[in-house]
Every structure is written in C-alpha cells, then in structure tokens.
C-alpha atoms as a PDB file:
ATOM      1  CA  UNK A   1       8.860   7.678 -25.336  1.00  0.00           C
ATOM      2  CA  UNK A   2       5.120   7.685 -25.342  1.00  0.00           C
ATOM      3  CA  UNK A   3       2.026   5.914 -24.249  1.00  0.00           C
ATOM      4  CA  UNK A   4      -0.702   4.671 -26.776  1.00  0.00           C
ATOM      5  CA  UNK A   5      -0.025   6.652 -30.006  1.00  0.00           C
ATOM      6  CA  UNK A   6       2.921   8.592 -28.702  1.00  0.00           C
ATOM      7  CA  UNK A   7       6.556   7.220 -28.465  1.00  0.00           C
ATOM      8  CA  UNK A   8       7.707   6.223 -25.165  1.00  0.00           C
ATOM      9  CA  UNK A   9      10.968   8.172 -24.836  1.00  0.00           C
ATOM     10  CA  UNK A  10      14.256   7.005 -21.086  1.00  0.00           C
ATOM     11  CA  UNK A  11      16.940   6.691 -21.006  1.00  0.00           C
ATOM     12  CA  UNK A  12      16.225   7.197 -19.017  1.00  0.00           C
ATOM     13  CA  UNK A  13      15.996   6.210 -15.050  1.00  0.00           C
ATOM     14  CA  UNK A  14      16.667   6.089 -11.484  1.00  0.00           C
ATOM     15  CA  UNK A  15      17.444   6.657  -7.106  1.00  0.00           C
ATOM     16  CA  UNK A  16      15.218   5.758  -4.246  1.00  0.00           C
ATOM     17  CA  UNK A  17      15.387   9.261  -3.325  1.00  0.00           C
ATOM     18  CA  UNK A  18      17.458  12.681  -3.893  1.00  0.00           C
ATOM     19  CA  UNK A  19      19.994  11.330  -1.331  1.00  0.00           C
ATOM     20  CA  UNK A  20      20.012   7.625  -2.264  1.00  0.00           C
ATOM     21  CA  UNK A  21      23.371   6.125  -2.558  1.00  0.00           C
ATOM     22  CA  UNK A  22      24.672   4.833  -5.738  1.00  0.00           C
ATOM     23  CA  UNK A  23      25.570   1.198  -5.351  1.00  0.00           C
ATOM     24  CA  UNK A  24      27.282  -1.394  -7.695  1.00  0.00           C
ATOM     25  CA  UNK A  25      25.479  -4.601  -8.566  1.00  0.00           C
ATOM     26  CA  UNK A  26      28.197  -6.675  -7.301  1.00  0.00           C
ATOM     27  CA  UNK A  27      29.119  -7.818 -10.731  1.00  0.00           C
ATOM     28  CA  UNK A  28      31.727  -5.392 -11.237  1.00  0.00           C
ATOM     29  CA  UNK A  29      29.652  -3.812 -14.215  1.00  0.00           C
ATOM     30  CA  UNK A  30      29.185  -0.182 -14.752  1.00  0.00           C
ATOM     31  CA  UNK A  31      26.637   1.789 -13.230  1.00  0.00           C
ATOM     32  CA  UNK A  32      24.924   4.894 -14.337  1.00  0.00           C
ATOM     33  CA  UNK A  33      23.842   7.523 -11.873  1.00  0.00           C
ATOM     34  CA  UNK A  34      21.524  10.211 -13.275  1.00  0.00           C
ATOM     35  CA  UNK A  35      20.828  13.649 -11.321  1.00  0.00           C
ATOM     36  CA  UNK A  36      17.762  15.578 -12.845  1.00  0.00           C
ATOM     37  CA  UNK A  37      17.749  19.205 -12.119  1.00  0.00           C
ATOM     38  CA  UNK A  38      14.165  20.318 -11.744  1.00  0.00           C
ATOM     39  CA  UNK A  39      14.792  23.902 -11.776  1.00  0.00           C
ATOM     40  CA  UNK A  40      17.155  24.049 -14.910  1.00  0.00           C
ATOM     41  CA  UNK A  41      17.093  20.978 -17.210  1.00  0.00           C
ATOM     42  CA  UNK A  42      19.997  21.869 -19.037  1.00  0.00           C
ATOM     43  CA  UNK A  43      22.030  21.265 -15.607  1.00  0.00           C
ATOM     44  CA  UNK A  44      20.624  17.463 -15.585  1.00  0.00           C
ATOM     45  CA  UNK A  45      23.761  15.122 -15.867  1.00  0.00           C
ATOM     46  CA  UNK A  46      24.376  11.326 -15.884  1.00  0.00           C
ATOM     47  CA  UNK A  47      27.654   9.772 -15.004  1.00  0.00           C
ATOM     48  CA  UNK A  48      28.912   6.394 -16.385  1.00  0.00           C
ATOM     49  CA  UNK A  49      31.091   4.690 -13.915  1.00  0.00           C
ATOM     50  CA  UNK A  50      33.970   3.711 -16.232  1.00  0.00           C
ATOM     51  CA  UNK A  51      37.535   3.050 -15.052  1.00  0.00           C
ATOM     52  CA  UNK A  52      40.061   4.833 -14.829  1.00  0.00           C
ATOM     53  CA  UNK A  53      37.560   7.834 -15.006  1.00  0.00           C
ATOM     54  CA  UNK A  54      33.955   8.250 -15.052  1.00  0.00           C
ATOM     55  CA  UNK A  55      32.004   9.643 -17.890  1.00  0.00           C
ATOM     56  CA  UNK A  56      29.803  12.813 -17.394  1.00  0.00           C
ATOM     57  CA  UNK A  57      27.068  13.373 -19.814  1.00  0.00           C
ATOM     58  CA  UNK A  58      24.112  15.732 -20.326  1.00  0.00           C
ATOM     59  CA  UNK A  59      20.814  14.253 -20.267  1.00  0.00           C
ATOM     60  CA  UNK A  60      16.962  15.584 -21.022  1.00  0.00           C
ATOM     61  CA  UNK A  61      14.155  14.390 -19.492  1.00  0.00           C
ATOM     62  CA  UNK A  62      10.090  14.219 -19.394  1.00  0.00           C
ATOM     63  CA  UNK A  63       8.163  17.337 -20.529  1.00  0.00           C
ATOM     64  CA  UNK A  64       6.005  17.299 -17.540  1.00  0.00           C
ATOM     65  CA  UNK A  65       8.827  16.876 -15.052  1.00  0.00           C
ATOM     66  CA  UNK A  66       9.877  14.558 -12.562  1.00  0.00           C
ATOM     67  CA  UNK A  67       7.757  11.597 -10.808  1.00  0.00           C
ATOM     68  CA  UNK A  68       8.570  10.599  -7.365  1.00  0.00           C
ATOM     69  CA  UNK A  69       9.997   7.121  -6.853  1.00  0.00           C
ATOM     70  CA  UNK A  70       7.849   3.973  -6.832  1.00  0.00           C
ATOM     71  CA  UNK A  71       5.360   5.377  -8.974  1.00  0.00           C
ATOM     72  CA  UNK A  72       3.696   3.808 -11.946  1.00  0.00           C
ATOM     73  CA  UNK A  73       4.996   5.437 -15.255  1.00  0.00           C
ATOM     74  CA  UNK A  74       2.906   8.220 -16.488  1.00  0.00           C
ATOM     75  CA  UNK A  75       3.225   9.968 -19.826  1.00  0.00           C
ATOM     76  CA  UNK A  76       5.800  12.794 -20.172  1.00  0.00           C
ATOM     77  CA  UNK A  77       7.054  12.246 -16.549  1.00  0.00           C
ATOM     78  CA  UNK A  78      10.481  10.849 -15.665  1.00  0.00           C
ATOM     79  CA  UNK A  79      10.537   8.799 -12.447  1.00  0.00           C
ATOM     80  CA  UNK A  80      13.053   8.710  -9.817  1.00  0.00           C
ATOM     81  CA  UNK A  81      14.489   5.312  -8.247  1.00  0.00           C
ATOM     82  CA  UNK A  82      16.797   2.424  -8.743  1.00  0.00           C
ATOM     83  CA  UNK A  83      16.289   0.446 -11.963  1.00  0.00           C
ATOM     84  CA  UNK A  84      18.000  -2.398 -13.545  1.00  0.00           C
ATOM     85  CA  UNK A  85      18.832  -2.839 -17.599  1.00  0.00           C
ATOM     86  CA  UNK A  86      16.461  -5.398 -18.852  1.00  0.00           C
ATOM     87  CA  UNK A  87      17.139  -4.760 -22.559  1.00  0.00           C
ATOM     88  CA  UNK A  88      19.679  -3.351 -25.023  1.00  0.00           C
ATOM     89  CA  UNK A  89      18.659  -2.507 -28.564  1.00  0.00           C
ATOM     90  CA  UNK A  90      20.740  -0.759 -31.379  1.00  0.00           C
ATOM     91  CA  UNK A  91      21.273  -1.702 -35.147  1.00  0.00           C
ATOM     92  CA  UNK A  92      24.244  -3.611 -33.945  1.00  0.00           C
ATOM     93  CA  UNK A  93      23.373  -5.124 -30.586  1.00  0.00           C
ATOM     94  CA  UNK A  94      20.374  -7.021 -29.635  1.00  0.00           C
ATOM     95  CA  UNK A  95      20.391  -8.294 -25.694  1.00  0.00           C
ATOM     96  CA  UNK A  96      16.954  -8.836 -23.822  1.00  0.00           C
ATOM     97  CA  UNK A  97      15.617 -10.503 -20.596  1.00  0.00           C
ATOM     98  CA  UNK A  98      14.500 -14.017 -21.744  1.00  0.00           C
ATOM     99  CA  UNK A  99      11.145 -12.916 -19.793  1.00  0.00           C
ATOM    100  CA  UNK A 100      10.730 -10.088 -22.084  1.00  0.00           C
ATOM    101  CA  UNK A 101      11.385 -12.288 -25.234  1.00  0.00           C
ATOM    102  CA  UNK A 102       8.759 -14.712 -23.869  1.00  0.00           C
ATOM    103  CA  UNK A 103       6.197 -11.737 -23.246  1.00  0.00           C
ATOM    104  CA  UNK A 104       6.556 -10.602 -26.724  1.00  0.00           C
ATOM    105  CA  UNK A 105       5.383 -13.690 -28.301  1.00  0.00           C
ATOM    106  CA  UNK A 106       8.220 -13.304 -30.983  1.00  0.00           C
ATOM    107  CA  UNK A 107      11.353 -15.461 -31.519  1.00  0.00           C
ATOM    108  CA  UNK A 108      14.891 -13.862 -30.331  1.00  0.00           C
ATOM    109  CA  UNK A 109      15.681 -13.945 -34.075  1.00  0.00           C
ATOM    110  CA  UNK A 110      12.741 -11.914 -35.046  1.00  0.00           C
ATOM    111  CA  UNK A 111      13.405  -9.438 -32.326  1.00  0.00           C
ATOM    112  CA  UNK A 112      17.014  -9.166 -33.275  1.00  0.00           C
ATOM    113  CA  UNK A 113      16.257  -8.660 -36.748  1.00  0.00           C
ATOM    114  CA  UNK A 114      13.152  -6.249 -36.621  1.00  0.00           C
ATOM    115  CA  UNK A 115      12.600  -4.514 -33.304  1.00  0.00           C
ATOM    116  CA  UNK A 116      14.767  -1.760 -33.070  1.00  0.00           C
ATOM    117  CA  UNK A 117      14.607  -1.460 -37.014  1.00  0.00           C
ATOM    118  CA  UNK A 118      10.764  -0.862 -36.662  1.00  0.00           C
ATOM    119  CA  UNK A 119      10.944   1.412 -33.825  1.00  0.00           C
ATOM    120  CA  UNK A 120      13.436   3.686 -35.496  1.00  0.00           C
ATOM    121  CA  UNK A 121      11.345   3.845 -38.628  1.00  0.00           C
ATOM    122  CA  UNK A 122       7.892   4.981 -37.047  1.00  0.00           C
ATOM    123  CA  UNK A 123       6.994   8.601 -37.483  1.00  0.00           C
ATOM    124  CA  UNK A 124       5.553   9.220 -34.151  1.00  0.00           C
ATOM    125  CA  UNK A 125       4.879  12.801 -34.300  1.00  0.00           C
ATOM    126  CA  UNK A 126       3.612  12.799 -38.158  1.00  0.00           C
ATOM    127  CA  UNK A 127       6.245  15.130 -39.086  1.00  0.00           C
ATOM    128  CA  UNK A 128       8.295  13.163 -41.558  1.00  0.00           C
ATOM    129  CA  UNK A 129      11.096  12.606 -39.349  1.00  0.00           C
ATOM    130  CA  UNK A 130      12.058   9.015 -38.092  1.00  0.00           C
ATOM    131  CA  UNK A 131      14.846   7.728 -35.958  1.00  0.00           C
ATOM    132  CA  UNK A 132      13.649   9.298 -32.650  1.00  0.00           C
ATOM    133  CA  UNK A 133      15.692   6.853 -30.611  1.00  0.00           C
ATOM    134  CA  UNK A 134      19.009   7.781 -32.516  1.00  0.00           C
ATOM    135  CA  UNK A 135      21.606   5.088 -32.076  1.00  0.00           C
ATOM    136  CA  UNK A 136      20.357   3.136 -29.440  1.00  0.00           C
ATOM    137  CA  UNK A 137      17.752   2.114 -26.884  1.00  0.00           C
ATOM    138  CA  UNK A 138      18.718   0.863 -22.990  1.00  0.00           C
ATOM    139  CA  UNK A 139      15.465  -0.230 -21.407  1.00  0.00           C
ATOM    140  CA  UNK A 140      15.084  -0.057 -17.477  1.00  0.00           C
ATOM    141  CA  UNK A 141      12.814  -1.845 -15.456  1.00  0.00           C
ATOM    142  CA  UNK A 142      12.341  -0.645 -11.792  1.00  0.00           C
ATOM    143  CA  UNK A 143      13.697  -2.579  -8.991  1.00  0.00           C
ATOM    144  CA  UNK A 144      10.406  -1.955  -6.795  1.00  0.00           C
ATOM    145  CA  UNK A 145       7.201  -3.903  -7.342  1.00  0.00           C
ATOM    146  CA  UNK A 146       5.085  -1.186  -8.758  1.00  0.00           C
ATOM    147  CA  UNK A 147       3.048  -2.087 -11.547  1.00  0.00           C
ATOM    148  CA  UNK A 148       4.196  -0.813 -14.948  1.00  0.00           C
ATOM    149  CA  UNK A 149       2.271  -0.385 -18.059  1.00  0.00           C
ATOM    150  CA  UNK A 150       5.157  -1.210 -20.525  1.00  0.00           C
ATOM    151  CA  UNK A 151       4.090  -3.540 -23.137  1.00  0.00           C
ATOM    152  CA  UNK A 152       4.926  -4.822 -26.827  1.00  0.00           C
ATOM    153  CA  UNK A 153       2.450  -3.548 -29.478  1.00  0.00           C
ATOM    154  CA  UNK A 154       1.830  -2.656 -33.208  1.00  0.00           C
ATOM    155  CA  UNK A 155       2.060   1.100 -34.155  1.00  0.00           C
ATOM    156  CA  UNK A 156       1.423   2.078 -37.875  1.00  0.00           C
ATOM    157  CA  UNK A 157       1.701  -1.454 -38.887  1.00  0.00           C
ATOM    158  CA  UNK A 158       5.047  -2.207 -36.928  1.00  0.00           C
ATOM    159  CA  UNK A 159       5.780  -4.305 -34.022  1.00  0.00           C
ATOM    160  CA  UNK A 160       7.600  -2.284 -31.463  1.00  0.00           C
ATOM    161  CA  UNK A 161       8.122  -2.175 -27.749  1.00  0.00           C
ATOM    162  CA  UNK A 162       6.989   0.307 -25.279  1.00  0.00           C
ATOM    163  CA  UNK A 163       9.247   0.947 -22.076  1.00  0.00           C
ATOM    164  CA  UNK A 164      10.939   3.253 -19.740  1.00  0.00           C
ATOM    165  CA  UNK A 165      14.499   3.827 -21.334  1.00  0.00           C
ATOM    166  CA  UNK A 166      17.510   5.760 -21.992  1.00  0.00           C
ATOM    167  CA  UNK A 167      17.904   6.463 -25.468  1.00  0.00           C
ATOM    168  CA  UNK A 168      19.753   8.353 -28.374  1.00  0.00           C
ATOM    169  CA  UNK A 169      18.012  11.210 -30.231  1.00  0.00           C
ATOM    170  CA  UNK A 170      17.582  12.536 -33.934  1.00  0.00           C
ATOM    171  CA  UNK A 171      17.703  16.094 -32.719  1.00  0.00           C
ATOM    172  CA  UNK A 172      20.638  16.556 -30.333  1.00  0.00           C
ATOM    173  CA  UNK A 173      19.180  20.109 -29.546  1.00  0.00           C
ATOM    174  CA  UNK A 174      16.502  18.094 -27.487  1.00  0.00           C
ATOM    175  CA  UNK A 175      18.913  16.919 -25.005  1.00  0.00           C
ATOM    176  CA  UNK A 176      19.231  19.150 -21.774  1.00  0.00           C
ATOM    177  CA  UNK A 177      15.436  20.052 -22.154  1.00  0.00           C
ATOM    178  CA  UNK A 178      12.284  18.984 -20.631  1.00  0.00           C
ATOM    179  CA  UNK A 179      10.808  17.392 -24.011  1.00  0.00           C
ATOM    180  CA  UNK A 180      10.626  13.635 -23.675  1.00  0.00           C
ATOM    181  CA  UNK A 181       7.684  11.348 -23.372  1.00  0.00           C
ATOM    182  CA  UNK A 182       9.295  10.440 -19.951  1.00  0.00           C
ATOM    183  CA  UNK A 183      12.508   8.739 -20.988  1.00  0.00           C
ATOM    184  CA  UNK A 184      16.023  10.144 -20.358  1.00  0.00           C
ATOM    185  CA  UNK A 185      17.569  11.187 -23.745  1.00  0.00           C
ATOM    186  CA  UNK A 186      21.379  11.656 -24.369  1.00  0.00           C
ATOM    187  CA  UNK A 187      23.138  12.700 -27.536  1.00  0.00           C
ATOM    188  CA  UNK A 188      24.520  10.049 -30.036  1.00  0.00           C
ATOM    189  CA  UNK A 189      27.961  10.013 -29.004  1.00  0.00           C
ATOM    190  CA  UNK A 190      27.090   9.412 -25.676  1.00  0.00           C
ATOM    191  CA  UNK A 191      24.537   6.804 -26.461  1.00  0.00           C
ATOM    192  CA  UNK A 192      27.530   5.136 -28.633  1.00  0.00           C
ATOM    193  CA  UNK A 193      29.519   5.027 -25.326  1.00  0.00           C
ATOM    194  CA  UNK A 194      26.865   3.608 -23.203  1.00  0.00           C
ATOM    195  CA  UNK A 195      26.365   0.866 -25.787  1.00  0.00           C
ATOM    196  CA  UNK A 196      30.149  -0.158 -25.623  1.00  0.00           C
ATOM    197  CA  UNK A 197      29.935  -0.362 -21.628  1.00  0.00           C
ATOM    198  CA  UNK A 198      26.309  -1.221 -20.316  1.00  0.00           C
ATOM    199  CA  UNK A 199      25.222  -4.601 -19.552  1.00  0.00           C
ATOM    200  CA  UNK A 200      21.970  -6.444 -18.762  1.00  0.00           C
ATOM    201  CA  UNK A 201      21.368  -6.298 -15.128  1.00  0.00           C
ATOM    202  CA  UNK A 202      23.372  -2.944 -14.471  1.00  0.00           C
ATOM    203  CA  UNK A 203      21.848  -0.594 -12.106  1.00  0.00           C
ATOM    204  CA  UNK A 204      20.748   2.882 -13.242  1.00  0.00           C
ATOM    205  CA  UNK A 205      20.024   5.350 -10.596  1.00  0.00           C
ATOM    206  CA  UNK A 206      18.094   8.539 -11.101  1.00  0.00           C
ATOM    207  CA  UNK A 207      17.569  11.018  -8.328  1.00  0.00           C
ATOM    208  CA  UNK A 208      16.747  15.018  -7.908  1.00  0.00           C
ATOM    209  CA  UNK A 209      17.174  17.554  -5.351  1.00  0.00           C
ATOM    210  CA  UNK A 210      14.057  19.130  -6.643  1.00  0.00           C
ATOM    211  CA  UNK A 211      10.583  18.307  -6.081  1.00  0.00           C
ATOM    212  CA  UNK A 212       8.765  15.405  -7.633  1.00  0.00           C
ATOM    213  CA  UNK A 213       5.253  14.901  -8.972  1.00  0.00           C
ATOM    214  CA  UNK A 214       3.601  12.530  -6.307  1.00  0.00           C
END
C-alpha cells in the first residue's frame, strides 16, 4: 500500500487497544484478529475465526511501524483499531460497499472487470514486477470517525483504488517483515482461504502489546 505514487499495501487492520476484546459482528460471520509484534515482526500473527477450528497465519506490516488507534492513515504505518471489510477484490470475486461504487464514479460492471486487474498490473516500484497484491485485496474501513485519505485515482494510466487492506503478495518472503506501505500482507495460500471465508461487513481487529506511533 502506498500513498501518491506508491502502492498502498493492508491487509491489514485493527483493535482499539492492545487489550481490545475481539467481538463478533452479530451476523455469524468470521472475524479476523491480528496481533502485531513491534519487537519481532516475524511473530506477528492473524487468526481467522473459522469453525470448527480457527486458522492462524503469519502477517507482515508497515515498514515504519505501528500507528496508534484512531489515527489517520500515514504512509508506511499500520494502524491499530477495529475495522470492517468494505470491499473484496480478486480475479474471481468482486464485492464492494455501494457507497464506494458511487464514490468511484464508475459502474459496478466496470469495477468488477477492471479494478483489481488494473491494480495488479501496476509496477509500483519500477522494477519490472507486477502483481504486488497477489491473489486478492480485502479493504478495511475504520469504525472510528477519523478521516482517512483513501480514494480512487489513476496511476500510470490505470484506474485503481487507494485504501487500507489485507492483501496477498508476489513475494512470500515479505510476509513476517516490516516492509509494506502500511497494509497487512499475507502469503497467497492464506489469502485464498480468507477469500473463501470473509464477507462484507466482517470485523477485523488489529492490536499490539508494543508501543505505537502517536
């Protein structure tokens, strides 16, 4: 995830504080909880509340560390807080909050056909590599009223979206590191499982016992 000319690279995410309780949204939908380790990013872990057994998976986060809850998104920092899923993008799935579709200025059919394809085709780093979001992109909207800079725009001639998300990766060695533009990243096997289980409106909570950037 990146701001401006940089890719904005969640998945992810999310708890009002290090001690925040993880709550179900009351709709019997899976909930994702993510615990970021400020001291050793390799120990950062997410949990998908599936039945009969929850799924645990490694995550990576922002290269500039962890932002405190209820702060506006800043490049390279992964915010703590409680979020809800407001869009799910992959080559085979498109779901988006109707208010976002309206904000985009495009039709749902256009977004379904082009948005994730465009985002995956952008060479953000200029190194000849594309597909930086891997198998999918699960956008997260903070439940707080803090204004966020997320928007639709064009980059390198391609219409794309800028948001905070959990996403896959074209380089699995980046998972478990502080390397993203602020998103939570996961390996593509994990992303495939998330895409099978996550729904619009699901809550995602990110917490950390370590310090956060004010």
